[in-house]
């Protein structure tokens, strides 16, 4: 599934995995949402997407896939922020 999104939606994938810039401060735009998605995995997302597709069809699947990708992006950005905060300054 992840490979499918990476190859079929490269612009979306690039925006999720882009390098953080010094001016990136999403917390200035809106209060940060507490991430309760530490247990989120692509395997579980794929199962959820399969269920949505079977029950609601392709349009609902696309919406669910975008939601899963946004969740992955939030997790990835949070991880990068933590890494940047943990790096010792030179």
PDB file of N, CA and C in Angstrom:
ATOM      1  N   UNK A   1       0.823  -1.183   0.000  1.00  0.00           N
ATOM      2  CA  UNK A   1       0.000   0.000   0.000  1.00  0.00           C
ATOM      3  C   UNK A   1       0.870   1.251   0.000  1.00  0.00           C
ATOM      4  N   UNK A   2       1.855   1.274   0.861  1.00  0.00           N
ATOM      5  CA  UNK A   2       2.713   2.454   0.941  1.00  0.00           C
ATOM      6  C   UNK A   2       3.418   2.692  -0.390  1.00  0.00           C
ATOM      7  N   UNK A   3       3.909   1.628  -0.988  1.00  0.00           N
ATOM      8  CA  UNK A   3       4.592   1.741  -2.285  1.00  0.00           C
ATOM      9  C   UNK A   3       3.623   2.269  -3.338  1.00  0.00           C
ATOM     10  N   UNK A   4       2.375   1.824  -3.292  1.00  0.00           N
ATOM     11  CA  UNK A   4       1.364   2.291  -4.230  1.00  0.00           C
ATOM     12  C   UNK A   4       1.193   3.806  -4.113  1.00  0.00           C
ATOM     13  N   UNK A   5       1.057   4.289  -2.890  1.00  0.00           N
ATOM     14  CA  UNK A   5       0.881   5.725  -2.672  1.00  0.00           C
ATOM     15  C   UNK A   5       2.124   6.484  -3.115  1.00  0.00           C
ATOM     16  N   UNK A   6       3.293   5.961  -2.792  1.00  0.00           N
ATOM     17  CA  UNK A   6       4.534   6.639  -3.168  1.00  0.00           C
ATOM     18  C   UNK A   6       4.682   6.756  -4.677  1.00  0.00           C
ATOM     19  N   UNK A   7       4.291   5.706  -5.398  1.00  0.00           N
ATOM     20  CA  UNK A   7       4.469   5.718  -6.857  1.00  0.00           C
ATOM     21  C   UNK A   7       3.311   6.370  -7.589  1.00  0.00           C
ATOM     22  N   UNK A   8       2.105   6.245  -7.088  1.00  0.00           N
ATOM     23  CA  UNK A   8       0.934   6.782  -7.791  1.00  0.00           C
ATOM     24  C   UNK A   8       0.590   8.215  -7.400  1.00  0.00           C
ATOM     25  N   UNK A   9       1.057   8.654  -6.233  1.00  0.00           N
ATOM     26  CA  UNK A   9       0.762  10.009  -5.758  1.00  0.00           C
ATOM     27  C   UNK A   9       2.062  10.669  -5.292  1.00  0.00           C
ATOM     28  N   UNK A  10       3.019  10.865  -6.211  1.00  0.00           N
ATOM     29  CA  UNK A  10       4.334  11.362  -5.795  1.00  0.00           C
ATOM     30  C   UNK A  10       4.315  12.764  -5.197  1.00  0.00           C
ATOM     31  N   UNK A  11       3.436  13.644  -5.674  1.00  0.00           N
ATOM     32  CA  UNK A  11       3.407  15.000  -5.110  1.00  0.00           C
ATOM     33  C   UNK A  11       2.940  14.979  -3.663  1.00  0.00           C
ATOM     34  N   UNK A  12       1.928  14.188  -3.379  1.00  0.00           N
ATOM     35  CA  UNK A  12       1.445  14.077  -2.011  1.00  0.00           C
ATOM     36  C   UNK A  12       2.521  13.459  -1.123  1.00  0.00           C
ATOM     37  N   UNK A  13       3.152  12.408  -1.616  1.00  0.00           N
ATOM     38  CA  UNK A  13       4.207  11.756  -0.854  1.00  0.00           C
ATOM     39  C   UNK A  13       5.367  12.715  -0.589  1.00  0.00           C
ATOM     40  N   UNK A  14       5.733  13.503  -1.601  1.00  0.00           N
ATOM     41  CA  UNK A  14       6.823  14.460  -1.442  1.00  0.00           C
ATOM     42  C   UNK A  14       6.484  15.518  -0.405  1.00  0.00           C
ATOM     43  N   UNK A  15       5.230  15.948  -0.360  1.00  0.00           N
ATOM     44  CA  UNK A  15       4.864  16.968   0.625  1.00  0.00           C
ATOM     45  C   UNK A  15       4.881  16.402   2.046  1.00  0.00           C
ATOM     46  N   UNK A  16       4.578  15.134   2.192  1.00  0.00           N
ATOM     47  CA  UNK A  16       4.596  14.509   3.514  1.00  0.00           C
ATOM     48  C   UNK A  16       6.028  14.306   3.999  1.00  0.00           C
ATOM     49  N   UNK A  17       6.903  13.884   3.099  1.00  0.00           N
ATOM     50  CA  UNK A  17       8.263  13.509   3.490  1.00  0.00           C
ATOM     51  C   UNK A  17       9.299  14.580   3.170  1.00  0.00           C
ATOM     52  N   UNK A  18       8.851  15.805   2.925  1.00  0.00           N
ATOM     53  CA  UNK A  18       9.804  16.867   2.609  1.00  0.00           C
ATOM     54  C   UNK A  18      10.656  17.194   3.828  1.00  0.00           C
ATOM     55  N   UNK A  19      11.781  17.809   3.558  1.00  0.00           N
ATOM     56  CA  UNK A  19      12.688  18.212   4.623  1.00  0.00           C
ATOM     57  C   UNK A  19      12.068  19.392   5.365  1.00  0.00           C
ATOM     58  N   UNK A  20      12.148  19.349   6.683  1.00  0.00           N
ATOM     59  CA  UNK A  20      11.645  20.471   7.474  1.00  0.00           C
ATOM     60  C   UNK A  20      12.495  21.708   7.207  1.00  0.00           C
ATOM     61  N   UNK A  21      11.837  22.832   7.067  1.00  0.00           N
ATOM     62  CA  UNK A  21      12.524  24.104   6.864  1.00  0.00           C
ATOM     63  C   UNK A  21      12.487  24.886   8.175  1.00  0.00           C
ATOM     64  N   UNK A  22      13.447  25.809   8.351  1.00  0.00           N
ATOM     65  CA  UNK A  22      13.468  26.572   9.597  1.00  0.00           C
ATOM     66  C   UNK A  22      12.163  27.308   9.890  1.00  0.00           C
ATOM     67  N   UNK A  23      11.444  27.740   8.868  1.00  0.00           N
ATOM     68  CA  UNK A  23      10.204  28.476   9.082  1.00  0.00           C
ATOM     69  C   UNK A  23       8.989  27.607   9.340  1.00  0.00           C
ATOM     70  N   UNK A  24       9.149  26.285   9.346  1.00  0.00           N
ATOM     71  CA  UNK A  24       8.019  25.385   9.571  1.00  0.00           C
ATOM     72  C   UNK A  24       7.646  25.374  11.047  1.00  0.00           C
ATOM     73  N   UNK A  25       6.533  25.987  11.340  1.00  0.00           N
ATOM     74  CA  UNK A  25       6.029  25.998  12.712  1.00  0.00           C
ATOM     75  C   UNK A  25       4.521  25.794  12.667  1.00  0.00           C
ATOM     76  N   UNK A  26       4.066  24.574  12.397  1.00  0.00           N
ATOM     77  CA  UNK A  26       2.633  24.348  12.304  1.00  0.00           C
ATOM     78  C   UNK A  26       1.898  24.669  13.600  1.00  0.00           C
ATOM     79  N   UNK A  27       2.578  24.636  14.725  1.00  0.00           N
ATOM     80  CA  UNK A  27       1.930  24.954  15.987  1.00  0.00           C
ATOM     81  C   UNK A  27       1.545  26.427  16.062  1.00  0.00           C
ATOM     82  N   UNK A  28       2.152  27.292  15.201  1.00  0.00           N
ATOM     83  CA  UNK A  28       1.767  28.697  15.143  1.00  0.00           C
ATOM     84  C   UNK A  28       0.427  28.881  14.440  1.00  0.00           C
ATOM     85  N   UNK A  29       0.083  27.963  13.570  1.00  0.00           N
ATOM     86  CA  UNK A  29      -1.153  28.057  12.797  1.00  0.00           C
ATOM     87  C   UNK A  29      -2.332  27.542  13.614  1.00  0.00           C
ATOM     88  N   UNK A  30      -2.165  26.420  14.236  1.00  0.00           N
ATOM     89  CA  UNK A  30      -3.226  25.807  15.036  1.00  0.00           C
ATOM     90  C   UNK A  30      -2.570  25.086  16.202  1.00  0.00           C
ATOM     91  N   UNK A  31      -3.278  24.977  17.307  1.00  0.00           N
ATOM     92  CA  UNK A  31      -2.699  24.225  18.422  1.00  0.00           C
ATOM     93  C   UNK A  31      -2.402  22.795  17.988  1.00  0.00           C
ATOM     94  N   UNK A  32      -1.287  22.245  18.414  1.00  0.00           N
ATOM     95  CA  UNK A  32      -0.968  20.886  18.007  1.00  0.00           C
ATOM     96  C   UNK A  32      -1.989  19.889  18.547  1.00  0.00           C
ATOM     97  N   UNK A  33      -2.347  18.950  17.684  1.00  0.00           N
ATOM     98  CA  UNK A  33      -3.258  17.895  18.121  1.00  0.00           C
ATOM     99  C   UNK A  33      -2.434  16.839  18.844  1.00  0.00           C
ATOM    100  N   UNK A  34      -2.914  16.368  19.981  1.00  0.00           N
ATOM    101  CA  UNK A  34      -2.163  15.299  20.638  1.00  0.00           C
ATOM    102  C   UNK A  34      -2.204  14.052  19.764  1.00  0.00           C
ATOM    103  N   UNK A  35      -1.036  13.523  19.478  1.00  0.00           N
ATOM    104  CA  UNK A  35      -0.983  12.325  18.638  1.00  0.00           C
ATOM    105  C   UNK A  35      -1.209  11.094  19.500  1.00  0.00           C
ATOM    106  N   UNK A  36      -2.306  10.476  19.269  1.00  0.00           N
ATOM    107  CA  UNK A  36      -2.603   9.228  19.963  1.00  0.00           C
ATOM    108  C   UNK A  36      -2.426   8.080  18.971  1.00  0.00           C
ATOM    109  N   UNK A  37      -1.543   8.296  18.028  1.00  0.00           N
ATOM    110  CA  UNK A  37      -1.390   7.342  16.926  1.00  0.00           C
ATOM    111  C   UNK A  37      -0.047   6.628  16.997  1.00  0.00           C
ATOM    112  N   UNK A  38       0.546   6.538  18.175  1.00  0.00           N
ATOM    113  CA  UNK A  38       1.838   5.869  18.284  1.00  0.00           C
ATOM    114  C   UNK A  38       1.771   4.414  17.847  1.00  0.00           C
ATOM    115  N   UNK A  39       0.589   3.829  17.907  1.00  0.00           N
ATOM    116  CA  UNK A  39       0.462   2.427  17.516  1.00  0.00           C
ATOM    117  C   UNK A  39       0.037   2.284  16.052  1.00  0.00           C
ATOM    118  N   UNK A  40      -0.025   3.402  15.305  1.00  0.00           N
ATOM    119  CA  UNK A  40      -0.446   3.374  13.910  1.00  0.00           C
ATOM    120  C   UNK A  40       0.599   2.664  13.073  1.00  0.00           C
ATOM    121  N   UNK A  41       0.146   1.744  12.207  1.00  0.00           N
ATOM    122  CA  UNK A  41       1.046   1.062  11.282  1.00  0.00           C
ATOM    123  C   UNK A  41       0.377   0.964   9.920  1.00  0.00           C
ATOM    124  N   UNK A  42       1.198   0.815   8.866  1.00  0.00           N
ATOM    125  CA  UNK A  42       0.632   0.662   7.529  1.00  0.00           C
ATOM    126  C   UNK A  42      -0.147  -0.641   7.406  1.00  0.00           C
ATOM    127  N   UNK A  43       0.268  -1.678   8.112  1.00  0.00           N
ATOM    128  CA  UNK A  43      -0.472  -2.945   8.041  1.00  0.00           C
ATOM    129  C   UNK A  43      -1.900  -2.762   8.541  1.00  0.00           C
ATOM    130  N   UNK A  44      -2.049  -2.053   9.676  1.00  0.00           N
ATOM    131  CA  UNK A  44      -3.390  -1.790  10.205  1.00  0.00           C
ATOM    132  C   UNK A  44      -4.159  -0.840   9.293  1.00  0.00           C
ATOM    133  N   UNK A  45      -3.464   0.146   8.746  1.00  0.00           N
ATOM    134  CA  UNK A  45      -4.106   1.089   7.823  1.00  0.00           C
ATOM    135  C   UNK A  45      -4.614   0.354   6.587  1.00  0.00           C
ATOM    136  N   UNK A  46      -3.816  -0.561   6.081  1.00  0.00           N
ATOM    137  CA  UNK A  46      -4.227  -1.327   4.905  1.00  0.00           C
ATOM    138  C   UNK A  46      -5.488  -2.145   5.198  1.00  0.00           C
ATOM    139  N   UNK A  47      -5.564  -2.719   6.378  1.00  0.00           N
ATOM    140  CA  UNK A  47      -6.759  -3.481   6.754  1.00  0.00           C
ATOM    141  C   UNK A  47      -7.976  -2.558   6.833  1.00  0.00           C
ATOM    142  N   UNK A  48      -7.785  -1.367   7.424  1.00  0.00           N
ATOM    143  CA  UNK A  48      -8.889  -0.404   7.490  1.00  0.00           C
ATOM    144  C   UNK A  48      -9.321   0.025   6.092  1.00  0.00           C
ATOM    145  N   UNK A  49      -8.355   0.251   5.213  1.00  0.00           N
ATOM    146  CA  UNK A  49      -8.672   0.664   3.849  1.00  0.00           C
ATOM    147  C   UNK A  49      -9.416  -0.433   3.095  1.00  0.00           C
ATOM    148  N   UNK A  50      -9.012  -1.666   3.287  1.00  0.00           N
ATOM    149  CA  UNK A  50      -9.700  -2.790   2.646  1.00  0.00           C
ATOM    150  C   UNK A  50     -11.153  -2.852   3.101  1.00  0.00           C
ATOM    151  N   UNK A  51     -11.366  -2.670   4.395  1.00  0.00           N
ATOM    152  CA  UNK A  51     -12.722  -2.707   4.945  1.00  0.00           C
ATOM    153  C   UNK A  51     -13.577  -1.567   4.374  1.00  0.00           C
ATOM    154  N   UNK A  52     -12.991  -0.365   4.296  1.00  0.00           N
ATOM    155  CA  UNK A  52     -13.725   0.776   3.733  1.00  0.00           C
ATOM    156  C   UNK A  52     -14.081   0.508   2.278  1.00  0.00           C
ATOM    157  N   UNK A  53     -13.143  -0.028   1.524  1.00  0.00           N
ATOM    158  CA  UNK A  53     -13.394  -0.298   0.110  1.00  0.00           C
ATOM    159  C   UNK A  53     -14.523  -1.311  -0.060  1.00  0.00           C
ATOM    160  N   UNK A  54     -14.485  -2.372   0.724  1.00  0.00           N
ATOM    161  CA  UNK A  54     -15.506  -3.412   0.613  1.00  0.00           C
ATOM    162  C   UNK A  54     -16.888  -2.912   1.025  1.00  0.00           C
ATOM    163  N   UNK A  55     -16.941  -2.051   2.036  1.00  0.00           N
ATOM    164  CA  UNK A  55     -18.232  -1.586   2.544  1.00  0.00           C
ATOM    165  C   UNK A  55     -18.764  -0.356   1.810  1.00  0.00           C
ATOM    166  N   UNK A  56     -17.861   0.556   1.408  1.00  0.00           N
ATOM    167  CA  UNK A  56     -18.320   1.854   0.909  1.00  0.00           C
ATOM    168  C   UNK A  56     -17.848   2.202  -0.495  1.00  0.00           C
ATOM    169  N   UNK A  57     -16.924   1.440  -1.063  1.00  0.00           N
ATOM    170  CA  UNK A  57     -16.518   1.680  -2.438  1.00  0.00           C
ATOM    171  C   UNK A  57     -15.276   2.547  -2.595  1.00  0.00           C
ATOM    172  N   UNK A  58     -14.984   2.850  -3.872  1.00  0.00           N
ATOM    173  CA  UNK A  58     -13.733   3.504  -4.236  1.00  0.00           C
ATOM    174  C   UNK A  58     -13.632   4.945  -3.738  1.00  0.00           C
ATOM    175  N   UNK A  59     -14.709   5.703  -3.806  1.00  0.00           N
ATOM    176  CA  UNK A  59     -14.645   7.102  -3.376  1.00  0.00           C
ATOM    177  C   UNK A  59     -14.322   7.183  -1.889  1.00  0.00           C
ATOM    178  N   UNK A  60     -14.971   6.374  -1.096  1.00  0.00           N
ATOM    179  CA  UNK A  60     -14.686   6.359   0.345  1.00  0.00           C
ATOM    180  C   UNK A  60     -13.263   5.871   0.602  1.00  0.00           C
ATOM    181  N   UNK A  61     -12.791   4.931  -0.234  1.00  0.00           N
ATOM    182  CA  UNK A  61     -11.424   4.429  -0.078  1.00  0.00           C
ATOM    183  C   UNK A  61     -10.420   5.547  -0.283  1.00  0.00           C
ATOM    184  N   UNK A  62     -10.621   6.376  -1.312  1.00  0.00           N
ATOM    185  CA  UNK A  62      -9.699   7.484  -1.577  1.00  0.00           C
ATOM    186  C   UNK A  62      -9.669   8.442  -0.393  1.00  0.00           C
ATOM    187  N   UNK A  63     -10.828   8.768   0.145  1.00  0.00           N
ATOM    188  CA  UNK A  63     -10.886   9.659   1.306  1.00  0.00           C
ATOM    189  C   UNK A  63     -10.178   9.037   2.507  1.00  0.00           C
ATOM    190  N   UNK A  64     -10.395   7.755   2.722  1.00  0.00           N
ATOM    191  CA  UNK A  64      -9.742   7.067   3.841  1.00  0.00           C
ATOM    192  C   UNK A  64      -8.230   6.991   3.628  1.00  0.00           C
ATOM    193  N   UNK A  65      -7.813   6.750   2.380  1.00  0.00           N
ATOM    194  CA  UNK A  65      -6.377   6.684   2.084  1.00  0.00           C
ATOM    195  C   UNK A  65      -5.710   8.025   2.359  1.00  0.00           C
ATOM    196  N   UNK A  66      -6.344   9.111   1.964  1.00  0.00           N
ATOM    197  CA  UNK A  66      -5.788  10.436   2.249  1.00  0.00           C
ATOM    198  C   UNK A  66      -5.691  10.675   3.753  1.00  0.00           C
ATOM    199  N   UNK A  67      -6.689  10.238   4.488  1.00  0.00           N
ATOM    200  CA  UNK A  67      -6.656  10.378   5.935  1.00  0.00           C
ATOM    201  C   UNK A  67      -5.492   9.589   6.538  1.00  0.00           C
ATOM    202  N   UNK A  68      -5.294   8.373   6.055  1.00  0.00           N
ATOM    203  CA  UNK A  68      -4.182   7.549   6.553  1.00  0.00           C
ATOM    204  C   UNK A  68      -2.839   8.192   6.223  1.00  0.00           C
ATOM    205  N   UNK A  69      -2.729   8.761   5.030  1.00  0.00           N
ATOM    206  CA  UNK A  69      -1.479   9.404   4.631  1.00  0.00           C
ATOM    207  C   UNK A  69      -1.232  10.648   5.470  1.00  0.00           C
ATOM    208  N   UNK A  70      -2.277  11.404   5.738  1.00  0.00           N
ATOM    209  CA  UNK A  70      -2.130  12.580   6.596  1.00  0.00           C
ATOM    210  C   UNK A  70      -1.688  12.176   7.999  1.00  0.00           C
ATOM    211  N   UNK A  71      -2.239  11.084   8.493  1.00  0.00           N
ATOM    212  CA  UNK A  71      -1.838  10.593   9.812  1.00  0.00           C
ATOM    213  C   UNK A  71      -0.374  10.205   9.801  1.00  0.00           C
ATOM    214  N   UNK A  72       0.056   9.503   8.751  1.00  0.00           N
ATOM    215  CA  UNK A  72       1.470   9.139   8.655  1.00  0.00           C
ATOM    216  C   UNK A  72       2.336  10.392   8.614  1.00  0.00           C
ATOM    217  N   UNK A  73       1.888  11.402   7.880  1.00  0.00           N
ATOM    218  CA  UNK A  73       2.642  12.651   7.797  1.00  0.00           C
ATOM    219  C   UNK A  73       2.771  13.325   9.152  1.00  0.00           C
ATOM    220  N   UNK A  74       1.688  13.348   9.916  1.00  0.00           N
ATOM    221  CA  UNK A  74       1.733  13.938  11.257  1.00  0.00           C
ATOM    222  C   UNK A  74       2.731  13.201  12.145  1.00  0.00           C
ATOM    223  N   UNK A  75       2.697  11.888  12.070  1.00  0.00           N
ATOM    224  CA  UNK A  75       3.611  11.084  12.881  1.00  0.00           C
ATOM    225  C   UNK A  75       5.052  11.338  12.465  1.00  0.00           C
ATOM    226  N   UNK A  76       5.289  11.386  11.159  1.00  0.00           N
ATOM    227  CA  UNK A  76       6.639  11.610  10.641  1.00  0.00           C
ATOM    228  C   UNK A  76       7.153  12.995  11.042  1.00  0.00           C
ATOM    229  N   UNK A  77       6.318  14.014  10.919  1.00  0.00           N
ATOM    230  CA  UNK A  77       6.746  15.358  11.307  1.00  0.00           C
ATOM    231  C   UNK A  77       7.015  15.444  12.807  1.00  0.00           C
ATOM    232  N   UNK A  78       6.189  14.809  13.609  1.00  0.00           N
ATOM    233  CA  UNK A  78       6.411  14.800  15.061  1.00  0.00           C
ATOM    234  C   UNK A  78       7.720  14.102  15.395  1.00  0.00           C
ATOM    235  N   UNK A  79       7.999  13.001  14.706  1.00  0.00           N
ATOM    236  CA  UNK A  79       9.252  12.272  14.930  1.00  0.00           C
ATOM    237  C   UNK A  79      10.444  13.154  14.575  1.00  0.00           C
ATOM    238  N   UNK A  80      10.356  13.849  13.453  1.00  0.00           N
ATOM    239  CA  UNK A  80      11.452  14.724  13.040  1.00  0.00           C
ATOM    240  C   UNK A  80      11.653  15.877  14.019  1.00  0.00           C
ATOM    241  N   UNK A  81      10.555  16.449  14.507  1.00  0.00           N
ATOM    242  CA  UNK A  81      10.682  17.528  15.495  1.00  0.00           C
ATOM    243  C   UNK A  81      11.391  17.021  16.748  1.00  0.00           C
ATOM    244  N   UNK A  82      11.005  15.816  17.194  1.00  0.00           N
ATOM    245  CA  UNK A  82      11.658  15.245  18.384  1.00  0.00           C
ATOM    246  C   UNK A  82      13.143  15.036  18.127  1.00  0.00           C
ATOM    247  N   UNK A  83      13.474  14.531  16.928  1.00  0.00           N
ATOM    248  CA  UNK A  83      14.875  14.303  16.592  1.00  0.00           C
ATOM    249  C   UNK A  83      15.654  15.612  16.564  1.00  0.00           C
ATOM    250  N   UNK A  84      15.027  16.655  16.000  1.00  0.00           N
ATOM    251  CA  UNK A  84      15.708  17.951  15.930  1.00  0.00           C
ATOM    252  C   UNK A  84      15.920  18.525  17.328  1.00  0.00           C
ATOM    253  N   UNK A  85      14.979  18.311  18.222  1.00  0.00           N
ATOM    254  CA  UNK A  85      15.088  18.811  19.590  1.00  0.00           C
ATOM    255  C   UNK A  85      16.138  18.029  20.375  1.00  0.00           C
ATOM    256  N   UNK A  86      16.275  16.743  20.039  1.00  0.00           N
ATOM    257  CA  UNK A  86      17.218  15.892  20.765  1.00  0.00           C
ATOM    258  C   UNK A  86      18.653  16.059  20.280  1.00  0.00           C
ATOM    259  N   UNK A  87      18.846  16.622  19.063  1.00  0.00           N
ATOM    260  CA  UNK A  87      20.199  16.783  18.538  1.00  0.00           C
ATOM    261  C   UNK A  87      20.946  17.827  19.345  1.00  0.00           C
ATOM    262  N   UNK A  88      22.195  17.521  19.713  1.00  0.00           N
ATOM    263  CA  UNK A  88      22.984  18.529  20.421  1.00  0.00           C
ATOM    264  C   UNK A  88      23.356  19.665  19.454  1.00  0.00           C
ATOM    265  N   UNK A  89      23.289  20.886  19.941  1.00  0.00           N
ATOM    266  CA  UNK A  89      23.653  22.011  19.095  1.00  0.00           C
ATOM    267  C   UNK A  89      25.159  22.171  19.051  1.00  0.00           C
ATOM    268  N   UNK A  90      25.665  22.487  17.883  1.00  0.00           N
ATOM    269  CA  UNK A  90      27.127  22.629  17.732  1.00  0.00           C
ATOM    270  C   UNK A  90      27.581  23.995  18.095  1.00  0.00           C
TER     271      UNK A  90
END
